[in-house]
Amino acid sequence: MKELLGTYKTRKNGNSMSITVPKSAGISENETFSLEKVDGNLVYRPTKQDNPWKDGQFKDHDFRKDMQKLEFDIGNEKPVGKENLF
């Protein structure tokens, strides 16, 4: 289904050209898209984010609690071999 959201003018942004996407398009900030040229038309497609550090999956995760649970005391490990100690 095609839906016309309006007509927009490009603008120069550094060495790139930008087109404003209206809020009514339902696109959130920081979404990632791929760009294809198909029969002379520019086609933007959303890309799947597989990086939990970028998509906010670990935003509120308590890593210190994980370290305590695993009894992992980062920075206070005992040397095992011939590590250089400062």
PDB file of N, CA and C in Angstrom:
ATOM      1  N   MET A   1       0.850  -1.183   0.000  1.00  0.00           N
ATOM      2  CA  MET A   1       0.000   0.000   0.000  1.00  0.00           C
ATOM      3  C   MET A   1       0.892   1.242   0.000  1.00  0.00           C
ATOM      4  N   LYS A   2       0.659   2.135  -0.905  1.00  0.00           N
ATOM      5  CA  LYS A   2       1.418   3.383  -0.978  1.00  0.00           C
ATOM      6  C   LYS A   2       0.648   4.485  -0.280  1.00  0.00           C
ATOM      7  N   GLU A   3       1.395   5.333   0.422  1.00  0.00           N
ATOM      8  CA  GLU A   3       0.797   6.470   1.109  1.00  0.00           C
ATOM      9  C   GLU A   3       1.720   7.663   0.915  1.00  0.00           C
ATOM     10  N   LEU A   4       1.232   8.721   0.312  1.00  0.00           N
ATOM     11  CA  LEU A   4       2.017   9.920   0.090  1.00  0.00           C
ATOM     12  C   LEU A   4       2.046  10.742   1.372  1.00  0.00           C
ATOM     13  N   LEU A   5       3.241  10.962   1.898  1.00  0.00           N
ATOM     14  CA  LEU A   5       3.388  11.723   3.139  1.00  0.00           C
ATOM     15  C   LEU A   5       3.733  13.183   2.888  1.00  0.00           C
ATOM     16  N   GLY A   6       3.967  13.554   1.640  1.00  0.00           N
ATOM     17  CA  GLY A   6       4.265  14.938   1.317  1.00  0.00           C
ATOM     18  C   GLY A   6       5.400  15.039   0.323  1.00  0.00           C
ATOM     19  N   THR A   7       5.769  16.265  -0.021  1.00  0.00           N
ATOM     20  CA  THR A   7       6.879  16.545  -0.918  1.00  0.00           C
ATOM     21  C   THR A   7       7.923  17.318  -0.128  1.00  0.00           C
ATOM     22  N   TYR A   8       9.184  16.875  -0.238  1.00  0.00           N
ATOM     23  CA  TYR A   8      10.240  17.461   0.579  1.00  0.00           C
ATOM     24  C   TYR A   8      11.428  17.831  -0.286  1.00  0.00           C
ATOM     25  N   LYS A   9      12.114  18.888   0.109  1.00  0.00           N
ATOM     26  CA  LYS A   9      13.247  19.412  -0.640  1.00  0.00           C
ATOM     27  C   LYS A   9      14.548  18.980   0.033  1.00  0.00           C
ATOM     28  N   THR A  10      15.542  18.608  -0.775  1.00  0.00           N
ATOM     29  CA  THR A  10      16.840  18.243  -0.212  1.00  0.00           C
ATOM     30  C   THR A  10      17.552  19.488   0.288  1.00  0.00           C
ATOM     31  N   ARG A  11      18.468  19.288   1.244  1.00  0.00           N
ATOM     32  CA  ARG A  11      19.297  20.392   1.725  1.00  0.00           C
ATOM     33  C   ARG A  11      20.698  19.866   1.972  1.00  0.00           C
ATOM     34  N   LYS A  12      21.655  20.745   1.814  1.00  0.00           N
ATOM     35  CA  LYS A  12      23.057  20.374   1.985  1.00  0.00           C
ATOM     36  C   LYS A  12      23.375  20.300   3.472  1.00  0.00           C
ATOM     37  N   ASN A  13      24.063  19.209   3.849  1.00  0.00           N
ATOM     38  CA  ASN A  13      24.459  18.983   5.232  1.00  0.00           C
ATOM     39  C   ASN A  13      25.906  18.501   5.210  1.00  0.00           C
ATOM     40  N   GLY A  14      26.856  19.433   5.252  1.00  0.00           N
ATOM     41  CA  GLY A  14      28.268  19.077   5.086  1.00  0.00           C
ATOM     42  C   GLY A  14      28.513  18.663   3.651  1.00  0.00           C
ATOM     43  N   ASN A  15      29.047  17.460   3.440  1.00  0.00           N
ATOM     44  CA  ASN A  15      29.266  16.935   2.092  1.00  0.00           C
ATOM     45  C   ASN A  15      28.141  16.006   1.654  1.00  0.00           C
ATOM     46  N   SER A  16      27.034  16.017   2.367  1.00  0.00           N
ATOM     47  CA  SER A  16      25.910  15.123   2.071  1.00  0.00           C
ATOM     48  C   SER A  16      24.659  15.931   1.772  1.00  0.00           C
ATOM     49  N   MET A  17      23.662  15.230   1.247  1.00  0.00           N
ATOM     50  CA  MET A  17      22.342  15.814   1.030  1.00  0.00           C
ATOM     51  C   MET A  17      21.374  15.151   2.009  1.00  0.00           C
ATOM     52  N   SER A  18      20.473  15.940   2.596  1.00  0.00           N
ATOM     53  CA  SER A  18      19.510  15.425   3.566  1.00  0.00           C
ATOM     54  C   SER A  18      18.096  15.662   3.079  1.00  0.00           C
ATOM     55  N   ILE A  19      17.218  14.741   3.426  1.00  0.00           N
ATOM     56  CA  ILE A  19      15.781  14.904   3.197  1.00  0.00           C
ATOM     57  C   ILE A  19      15.117  14.701   4.552  1.00  0.00           C
ATOM     58  N   THR A  20      14.270  15.630   4.944  1.00  0.00           N
ATOM     59  CA  THR A  20      13.583  15.533   6.220  1.00  0.00           C
ATOM     60  C   THR A  20      12.502  14.466   6.149  1.00  0.00           C
ATOM     61  N   VAL A  21      12.421  13.661   7.211  1.00  0.00           N
ATOM     62  CA  VAL A  21      11.368  12.649   7.314  1.00  0.00           C
ATOM     63  C   VAL A  21      10.341  13.171   8.310  1.00  0.00           C
ATOM     64  N   PRO A  22       9.084  13.284   7.918  1.00  0.00           N
ATOM     65  CA  PRO A  22       8.079  13.827   8.828  1.00  0.00           C
ATOM     66  C   PRO A  22       7.802  12.873   9.992  1.00  0.00           C
ATOM     67  N   LYS A  23       7.477  13.432  11.130  1.00  0.00           N
ATOM     68  CA  LYS A  23       7.162  12.635  12.311  1.00  0.00           C
ATOM     69  C   LYS A  23       5.993  11.687  12.045  1.00  0.00           C
ATOM     70  N   SER A  24       5.075  12.110  11.181  1.00  0.00           N
ATOM     71  CA  SER A  24       3.901  11.286  10.865  1.00  0.00           C
ATOM     72  C   SER A  24       4.262   9.980  10.161  1.00  0.00           C
ATOM     73  N   ALA A  25       5.521   9.845   9.703  1.00  0.00           N
ATOM     74  CA  ALA A  25       5.949   8.605   9.050  1.00  0.00           C
ATOM     75  C   ALA A  25       6.131   7.481  10.071  1.00  0.00           C
ATOM     76  N   GLY A  26       6.177   7.824  11.356  1.00  0.00           N
ATOM     77  CA  GLY A  26       6.294   6.809  12.401  1.00  0.00           C
ATOM     78  C   GLY A  26       7.690   6.249  12.567  1.00  0.00           C
ATOM     79  N   ILE A  27       8.693   7.007  12.160  1.00  0.00           N
ATOM     80  CA  ILE A  27      10.079   6.564  12.288  1.00  0.00           C
ATOM     81  C   ILE A  27      10.670   7.186  13.545  1.00  0.00           C
ATOM     82  N   SER A  28      11.343   6.355  14.351  1.00  0.00           N
ATOM     83  CA  SER A  28      11.949   6.830  15.589  1.00  0.00           C
ATOM     84  C   SER A  28      13.357   7.339  15.343  1.00  0.00           C
ATOM     85  N   GLU A  29      13.856   8.098  16.288  1.00  0.00           N
ATOM     86  CA  GLU A  29      15.221   8.609  16.218  1.00  0.00           C
ATOM     87  C   GLU A  29      16.215   7.448  16.280  1.00  0.00           C
ATOM     88  N   ASN A  30      17.304   7.562  15.541  1.00  0.00           N
ATOM     89  CA  ASN A  30      18.407   6.595  15.503  1.00  0.00           C
ATOM     90  C   ASN A  30      18.071   5.269  14.827  1.00  0.00           C
ATOM     91  N   GLU A  31      16.982   5.182  14.098  1.00  0.00           N
ATOM     92  CA  GLU A  31      16.719   3.974  13.307  1.00  0.00           C
ATOM     93  C   GLU A  31      17.696   3.948  12.139  1.00  0.00           C
ATOM     94  N   THR A  32      18.028   2.756  11.662  1.00  0.00           N
ATOM     95  CA  THR A  32      18.989   2.595  10.579  1.00  0.00           C
ATOM     96  C   THR A  32      18.275   2.107   9.326  1.00  0.00           C
ATOM     97  N   PHE A  33      18.654   2.682   8.174  1.00  0.00           N
ATOM     98  CA  PHE A  33      18.048   2.315   6.897  1.00  0.00           C
ATOM     99  C   PHE A  33      19.127   2.040   5.862  1.00  0.00           C
ATOM    100  N   SER A  34      18.839   1.140   4.940  1.00  0.00           N
ATOM    101  CA  SER A  34      19.711   0.949   3.779  1.00  0.00           C
ATOM    102  C   SER A  34      19.091   1.732   2.626  1.00  0.00           C
ATOM    103  N   LEU A  35      19.922   2.143   1.681  1.00  0.00           N
ATOM    104  CA  LEU A  35      19.453   2.917   0.533  1.00  0.00           C
ATOM    105  C   LEU A  35      19.791   2.175  -0.748  1.00  0.00           C
ATOM    106  N   GLU A  36      18.788   1.950  -1.590  1.00  0.00           N
ATOM    107  CA  GLU A  36      18.973   1.295  -2.885  1.00  0.00           C
ATOM    108  C   GLU A  36      18.472   2.219  -3.989  1.00  0.00           C
ATOM    109  N   LYS A  37      19.052   2.083  -5.147  1.00  0.00           N
ATOM    110  CA  LYS A  37      18.549   2.795  -6.311  1.00  0.00           C
ATOM    111  C   LYS A  37      17.928   1.743  -7.223  1.00  0.00           C
ATOM    112  N   VAL A  38      16.610   1.799  -7.386  1.00  0.00           N
ATOM    113  CA  VAL A  38      15.867   0.812  -8.165  1.00  0.00           C
ATOM    114  C   VAL A  38      15.129   1.548  -9.286  1.00  0.00           C
ATOM    115  N   ASP A  39      15.519   1.245 -10.515  1.00  0.00           N
ATOM    116  CA  ASP A  39      14.882   1.879 -11.692  1.00  0.00           C
ATOM    117  C   ASP A  39      14.849   3.401 -11.565  1.00  0.00           C
ATOM    118  N   GLY A  40      15.932   3.984 -11.071  1.00  0.00           N
ATOM    119  CA  GLY A  40      16.011   5.436 -10.949  1.00  0.00           C
ATOM    120  C   GLY A  40      15.348   5.997  -9.700  1.00  0.00           C
ATOM    121  N   ASN A  41      14.740   5.144  -8.881  1.00  0.00           N
ATOM    122  CA  ASN A  41      14.089   5.586  -7.648  1.00  0.00           C
ATOM    123  C   ASN A  41      14.953   5.239  -6.447  1.00  0.00           C
ATOM    124  N   LEU A  42      15.003   6.129  -5.467  1.00  0.00           N
ATOM    125  CA  LEU A  42      15.707   5.844  -4.226  1.00  0.00           C
ATOM    126  C   LEU A  42      14.749   5.136  -3.279  1.00  0.00           C
ATOM    127  N   VAL A  43      15.178   3.984  -2.773  1.00  0.00           N
ATOM    128  CA  VAL A  43      14.319   3.190  -1.893  1.00  0.00           C
ATOM    129  C   VAL A  43      15.048   2.984  -0.564  1.00  0.00           C
ATOM    130  N   TYR A  44      14.471   3.484   0.505  1.00  0.00           N
ATOM    131  CA  TYR A  44      15.017   3.291   1.849  1.00  0.00           C
ATOM    132  C   TYR A  44      14.297   2.123   2.501  1.00  0.00           C
ATOM    133  N   ARG A  45      15.072   1.214   3.104  1.00  0.00           N
ATOM    134  CA  ARG A  45      14.497   0.071   3.806  1.00  0.00           C
ATOM    135  C   ARG A  45      15.091   0.002   5.207  1.00  0.00           C
ATOM    136  N   PRO A  46      14.256  -0.237   6.224  1.00  0.00           N
ATOM    137  CA  PRO A  46      14.796  -0.358   7.581  1.00  0.00           C
ATOM    138  C   PRO A  46      15.698  -1.581   7.676  1.00  0.00           C
ATOM    139  N   THR A  47      16.779  -1.444   8.416  1.00  0.00           N
ATOM    140  CA  THR A  47      17.689  -2.565   8.625  1.00  0.00           C
ATOM    141  C   THR A  47      17.512  -3.070  10.050  1.00  0.00           C
ATOM    142  N   LYS A  48      17.737  -4.347  10.221  1.00  0.00           N
ATOM    143  CA  LYS A  48      17.599  -4.964  11.533  1.00  0.00           C
ATOM    144  C   LYS A  48      18.823  -4.624  12.377  1.00  0.00           C
ATOM    145  N   GLN A  49      18.582  -4.178  13.596  1.00  0.00           N
ATOM    146  CA  GLN A  49      19.673  -3.880  14.521  1.00  0.00           C
ATOM    147  C   GLN A  49      19.984  -5.132  15.321  1.00  0.00           C
ATOM    148  N   ASP A  50      21.192  -5.671  15.137  1.00  0.00           N
ATOM    149  CA  ASP A  50      21.602  -6.848  15.889  1.00  0.00           C
ATOM    150  C   ASP A  50      22.613  -6.494  16.976  1.00  0.00           C
ATOM    151  N   ASN A  51      22.815  -5.222  17.228  1.00  0.00           N
ATOM    152  CA  ASN A  51      23.806  -4.807  18.205  1.00  0.00           C
ATOM    153  C   ASN A  51      23.089  -4.351  19.472  1.00  0.00           C
ATOM    154  N   PRO A  52      23.106  -5.179  20.539  1.00  0.00           N
ATOM    155  CA  PRO A  52      22.372  -4.813  21.758  1.00  0.00           C
ATOM    156  C   PRO A  52      22.928  -3.563  22.434  1.00  0.00           C
ATOM    157  N   TRP A  53      24.183  -3.196  22.144  1.00  0.00           N
ATOM    158  CA  TRP A  53      24.755  -1.992  22.730  1.00  0.00           C
ATOM    159  C   TRP A  53      24.143  -0.750  22.093  1.00  0.00           C
ATOM    160  N   LYS A  54      23.717  -0.854  20.834  1.00  0.00           N
ATOM    161  CA  LYS A  54      23.159   0.310  20.140  1.00  0.00           C
ATOM    162  C   LYS A  54      21.639   0.387  20.227  1.00  0.00           C
ATOM    163  N   ASP A  55      20.966  -0.753  20.347  1.00  0.00           N
ATOM    164  CA  ASP A  55      19.508  -0.702  20.354  1.00  0.00           C
ATOM    165  C   ASP A  55      18.920  -0.502  21.750  1.00  0.00           C
ATOM    166  N   GLY A  56      19.796  -0.337  22.763  1.00  0.00           N
ATOM    167  CA  GLY A  56      19.322  -0.034  24.103  1.00  0.00           C
ATOM    168  C   GLY A  56      18.971  -1.251  24.945  1.00  0.00           C
ATOM    169  N   GLN A  57      19.223  -2.449  24.461  1.00  0.00           N
ATOM    170  CA  GLN A  57      18.871  -3.659  25.194  1.00  0.00           C
ATOM    171  C   GLN A  57      19.570  -3.719  26.551  1.00  0.00           C
ATOM    172  N   PHE A  58      20.808  -3.219  26.631  1.00  0.00           N
ATOM    173  CA  PHE A  58      21.565  -3.257  27.880  1.00  0.00           C
ATOM    174  C   PHE A  58      21.562  -1.919  28.611  1.00  0.00           C
ATOM    175  N   LYS A  59      20.685  -1.021  28.226  1.00  0.00           N
ATOM    176  CA  LYS A  59      20.660   0.323  28.785  1.00  0.00           C
ATOM    177  C   LYS A  59      20.559   0.319  30.319  1.00  0.00           C
ATOM    178  N   ASP A  60      19.697  -0.496  30.867  1.00  0.00           N
ATOM    179  CA  ASP A  60      19.479  -0.515  32.309  1.00  0.00           C
ATOM    180  C   ASP A  60      19.984  -1.802  32.962  1.00  0.00           C
ATOM    181  N   HIS A  61      20.869  -2.514  32.285  1.00  0.00           N
ATOM    182  CA  HIS A  61      21.370  -3.785  32.815  1.00  0.00           C
ATOM    183  C   HIS A  61      22.407  -3.533  33.914  1.00  0.00           C
ATOM    184  N   ASP A  62      22.355  -4.319  34.983  1.00  0.00           N
ATOM    185  CA  ASP A  62      23.278  -4.172  36.108  1.00  0.00           C
ATOM    186  C   ASP A  62      24.429  -5.172  35.953  1.00  0.00           C
ATOM    187  N   PHE A  63      25.514  -4.731  35.315  1.00  0.00           N
ATOM    188  CA  PHE A  63      26.654  -5.608  35.078  1.00  0.00           C
ATOM    189  C   PHE A  63      27.421  -5.891  36.370  1.00  0.00           C
ATOM    190  N   ARG A  64      27.405  -4.972  37.316  1.00  0.00           N
ATOM    191  CA  ARG A  64      28.082  -5.216  38.601  1.00  0.00           C
ATOM    192  C   ARG A  64      27.424  -6.388  39.329  1.00  0.00           C
ATOM    193  N   LYS A  65      26.115  -6.470  39.247  1.00  0.00           N
ATOM    194  CA  LYS A  65      25.390  -7.581  39.868  1.00  0.00           C
ATOM    195  C   LYS A  65      25.799  -8.903  39.208  1.00  0.00           C
ATOM    196  N   ASP A  66      25.966  -8.887  37.891  1.00  0.00           N
ATOM    197  CA  ASP A  66      26.426 -10.084  37.182  1.00  0.00           C
ATOM    198  C   ASP A  66      27.815 -10.499  37.652  1.00  0.00           C
ATOM    199  N   MET A  67      28.716  -9.514  37.825  1.00  0.00           N
ATOM    200  CA  MET A  67      30.077  -9.821  38.265  1.00  0.00           C
ATOM    201  C   MET A  67      30.067 -10.426  39.670  1.00  0.00           C
ATOM    202  N   GLN A  68      29.219  -9.897  40.548  1.00  0.00           N
ATOM    203  CA  GLN A  68      29.123 -10.452  41.899  1.00  0.00           C
ATOM    204  C   GLN A  68      28.584 -11.877  41.865  1.00  0.00           C
ATOM    205  N   LYS A  69      27.590 -12.093  41.035  1.00  0.00           N
ATOM    206  CA  LYS A  69      26.990 -13.422  40.906  1.00  0.00           C
ATOM    207  C   LYS A  69      28.020 -14.437  40.403  1.00  0.00           C
ATOM    208  N   LEU A  70      28.887 -14.005  39.494  1.00  0.00           N
ATOM    209  CA  LEU A  70      29.922 -14.890  38.941  1.00  0.00           C
ATOM    210  C   LEU A  70      31.202 -14.881  39.771  1.00  0.00           C
ATOM    211  N   GLU A  71      31.180 -14.111  40.876  1.00  0.00           N
ATOM    212  CA  GLU A  71      32.356 -13.947  41.729  1.00  0.00           C
ATOM    213  C   GLU A  71      33.557 -13.481  40.914  1.00  0.00           C
ATOM    214  N   PHE A  72      33.302 -12.502  40.060  1.00  0.00           N
ATOM    215  CA  PHE A  72      34.330 -11.941  39.193  1.00  0.00           C
ATOM    216  C   PHE A  72      34.654 -10.546  39.695  1.00  0.00           C
ATOM    217  N   ASP A  73      35.823 -10.397  40.287  1.00  0.00           N
ATOM    218  CA  ASP A  73      36.231  -9.122  40.867  1.00  0.00           C
ATOM    219  C   ASP A  73      37.210  -8.442  39.917  1.00  0.00           C
ATOM    220  N   ILE A  74      36.688  -7.730  38.932  1.00  0.00           N
ATOM    221  CA  ILE A  74      37.521  -7.155  37.880  1.00  0.00           C
ATOM    222  C   ILE A  74      38.543  -6.177  38.458  1.00  0.00           C
ATOM    223  N   GLY A  75      39.762  -6.320  38.005  1.00  0.00           N
ATOM    224  CA  GLY A  75      40.832  -5.452  38.442  1.00  0.00           C
ATOM    225  C   GLY A  75      41.587  -5.971  39.651  1.00  0.00           C
ATOM    226  N   ASN A  76      41.062  -6.969  40.320  1.00  0.00           N
ATOM    227  CA  ASN A  76      41.706  -7.511  41.519  1.00  0.00           C
ATOM    228  C   ASN A  76      42.054  -8.985  41.361  1.00  0.00           C
ATOM    229  N   GLU A  77      42.200  -9.449  40.129  1.00  0.00           N
ATOM    230  CA  GLU A  77      42.529 -10.844  39.897  1.00  0.00           C
ATOM    231  C   GLU A  77      43.983 -11.105  40.278  1.00  0.00           C
ATOM    232  N   LYS A  78      44.279 -12.325  40.675  1.00  0.00           N
ATOM    233  CA  LYS A  78      45.654 -12.710  40.980  1.00  0.00           C
ATOM    234  C   LYS A  78      46.349 -13.132  39.694  1.00  0.00           C
ATOM    235  N   PRO A  79      47.641 -12.817  39.541  1.00  0.00           N
ATOM    236  CA  PRO A  79      48.361 -13.217  38.337  1.00  0.00           C
ATOM    237  C   PRO A  79      48.425 -14.743  38.222  1.00  0.00           C
ATOM    238  N   VAL A  80      48.325 -15.233  36.999  1.00  0.00           N
ATOM    239  CA  VAL A  80      48.341 -16.663  36.752  1.00  0.00           C
ATOM    240  C   VAL A  80      49.670 -17.080  36.154  1.00  0.00           C
ATOM    241  N   GLY A  81      50.262 -16.245  35.326  1.00  0.00           N
ATOM    242  CA  GLY A  81      51.503 -16.577  34.639  1.00  0.00           C
ATOM    243  C   GLY A  81      52.529 -15.486  34.849  1.00  0.00           C
ATOM    244  N   LYS A  82      53.037 -14.990  33.749  1.00  0.00           N
ATOM    245  CA  LYS A  82      54.106 -13.965  33.803  1.00  0.00           C
ATOM    246  C   LYS A  82      53.574 -12.595  33.372  1.00  0.00           C
ATOM    247  N   GLU A  83      52.380 -12.252  33.854  1.00  0.00           N
ATOM    248  CA  GLU A  83      51.807 -10.956  33.511  1.00  0.00           C
ATOM    249  C   GLU A  83      52.671  -9.827  34.063  1.00  0.00           C
ATOM    250  N   ASN A  84      52.723  -8.743  33.353  1.00  0.00           N
ATOM    251  CA  ASN A  84      53.415  -7.556  33.850  1.00  0.00           C
ATOM    252  C   ASN A  84      52.473  -6.821  34.793  1.00  0.00           C
ATOM    253  N   LEU A  85      52.896  -6.613  36.017  1.00  0.00           N
ATOM    254  CA  LEU A  85      52.081  -5.882  36.977  1.00  0.00           C
ATOM    255  C   LEU A  85      52.639  -4.481  37.117  1.00  0.00           C
ATOM    256  N   PHE A  86      51.792  -3.495  37.114  1.00  0.00           N
ATOM    257  CA  PHE A  86      52.233  -2.112  37.178  1.00  0.00           C
ATOM    258  C   PHE A  86      52.521  -1.710  38.588  1.00  0.00           C
TER     259      PHE A  86
END
